[in-house]
Amino acid sequence: MRAFTAERDWERFHDPKSLLLALTGEVGELAELFQWLPADDARELAGDEPLRTRVGEEMADVLLYLVRLADVVGVDLAEAARRKMELNAEKHRA
């Protein structure tokens, strides 16, 4: 993402606030795909084309903006996720 951004001279647009707003917009686009699906059928319907492809595209957009935001603010996303899972495991011991 860093190289993709640099090649297009987009760094000036990639401050944390702007990236977060873009990420939020992409999450909204993903949510819109599920908005009016019956909850009981959402999993099955999301696995069928063309919705499956659209869901994948929007999830990729969410992931890419999240990765870029993590890069800009200096968060090791893999380490943060690993640590969060450890904290959740401690918090929710069976």
Protein backbone atom coordinates (compact mmCIF):
# COMPACT_ATOMS: atom_id res chain seq x y z
CA MET A 1 0.00 0.00 0.00
CA ARG A 2 2.83 2.36 0.78
CA ALA A 3 4.36 1.88 -2.69
CA PHE A 4 0.97 2.08 -4.41
CA THR A 5 0.29 5.36 -2.62
CA ALA A 6 3.74 6.80 -3.36
CA GLU A 7 3.51 5.92 -7.06
CA ARG A 8 0.37 8.04 -7.31
CA ASP A 9 1.61 10.89 -5.09
CA TRP A 10 -1.28 10.37 -2.68
CA GLU A 11 0.67 10.71 0.57
CA ARG A 12 -0.62 14.25 1.07
CA PHE A 13 -4.17 12.87 1.23
CA HIS A 14 -3.34 10.03 3.61
CA ASP A 15 -3.44 11.67 7.00
CA PRO A 16 -5.02 9.56 9.77
CA LYS A 17 -8.33 11.44 9.78
CA SER A 18 -8.82 11.17 6.03
CA LEU A 19 -7.90 7.49 6.01
CA LEU A 20 -10.30 6.79 8.86
CA LEU A 21 -13.11 8.56 7.03
CA ALA A 22 -12.35 6.59 3.86
CA LEU A 23 -12.28 3.36 5.88
CA THR A 24 -15.63 4.24 7.44
CA GLY A 25 -17.08 4.87 3.99
CA GLU A 26 -15.90 1.49 2.77
CA VAL A 27 -17.38 -0.24 5.83
CA GLY A 28 -20.63 1.55 4.96
CA GLU A 29 -20.48 0.20 1.41
CA LEU A 30 -19.97 -3.31 2.79
CA ALA A 31 -22.86 -2.86 5.22
CA GLU A 32 -25.08 -1.65 2.40
CA LEU A 33 -24.70 -5.01 0.65
CA PHE A 34 -26.22 -6.75 3.69
CA GLN A 35 -28.62 -4.03 4.79
CA TRP A 36 -31.88 -5.51 3.56
CA LEU A 37 -30.98 -9.20 3.45
CA PRO A 38 -32.99 -11.36 5.83
CA ALA A 39 -30.65 -12.17 8.73
CA ASP A 40 -31.42 -15.88 8.54
CA ASP A 41 -30.41 -16.00 4.86
CA ALA A 42 -27.49 -13.53 4.81
CA ARG A 43 -24.72 -16.13 5.02
CA GLU A 44 -26.13 -18.22 2.18
CA LEU A 45 -26.95 -15.22 -0.01
CA ALA A 46 -23.50 -13.70 0.52
CA GLY A 47 -21.96 -16.91 -0.80
CA ASP A 48 -23.81 -16.68 -4.11
CA GLU A 49 -22.78 -14.62 -7.10
CA PRO A 50 -22.81 -11.77 -7.83
CA LEU A 51 -23.03 -10.77 -4.15
CA ARG A 52 -20.03 -12.90 -3.18
CA THR A 53 -17.77 -10.96 -5.54
CA ARG A 54 -19.10 -7.59 -4.37
CA VAL A 55 -18.66 -8.54 -0.71
CA GLY A 56 -15.06 -9.59 -1.42
CA GLU A 57 -14.34 -6.32 -3.20
CA GLU A 58 -15.70 -4.21 -0.36
CA MET A 59 -13.90 -6.31 2.25
CA ALA A 60 -10.67 -5.80 0.31
CA ASP A 61 -11.24 -2.03 0.31
CA VAL A 62 -11.77 -2.11 4.09
CA LEU A 63 -8.62 -4.16 4.58
CA LEU A 64 -6.49 -1.95 2.36
CA TYR A 65 -7.56 1.28 4.08
CA LEU A 66 -6.98 -0.33 7.48
CA VAL A 67 -3.49 -1.47 6.44
CA ARG A 68 -2.69 2.00 5.14
CA LEU A 69 -3.97 3.65 8.31
CA ALA A 70 -1.86 1.32 10.43
CA ASP A 71 1.19 2.20 8.34
CA VAL A 72 0.59 5.94 8.64
CA VAL A 73 0.17 5.85 12.43
CA GLY A 74 2.96 3.32 12.97
CA VAL A 75 0.92 0.40 14.28
CA ASP A 76 2.15 -3.13 13.63
CA LEU A 77 -1.27 -4.47 12.76
CA ALA A 78 -0.29 -8.15 13.02
CA GLU A 79 1.21 -7.61 16.47
CA ALA A 80 -1.76 -5.51 17.60
CA ALA A 81 -4.18 -8.25 16.47
CA ARG A 82 -2.14 -10.96 18.16
CA ARG A 83 -2.04 -8.99 21.41
CA LYS A 84 -5.76 -8.22 21.24
CA MET A 85 -6.53 -11.93 20.83
CA GLU A 86 -4.41 -12.67 23.91
CA LEU A 87 -6.27 -10.01 25.90
CA ASN A 88 -9.63 -11.36 24.71
CA ALA A 89 -8.62 -14.90 25.66
CA GLU A 90 -7.73 -13.72 29.17
CA LYS A 91 -10.91 -11.70 29.49
CA HIS A 92 -13.22 -14.44 28.24
CA ARG A 93 -11.81 -17.58 29.83
CA ALA A 94 -14.33 -20.38 29.90
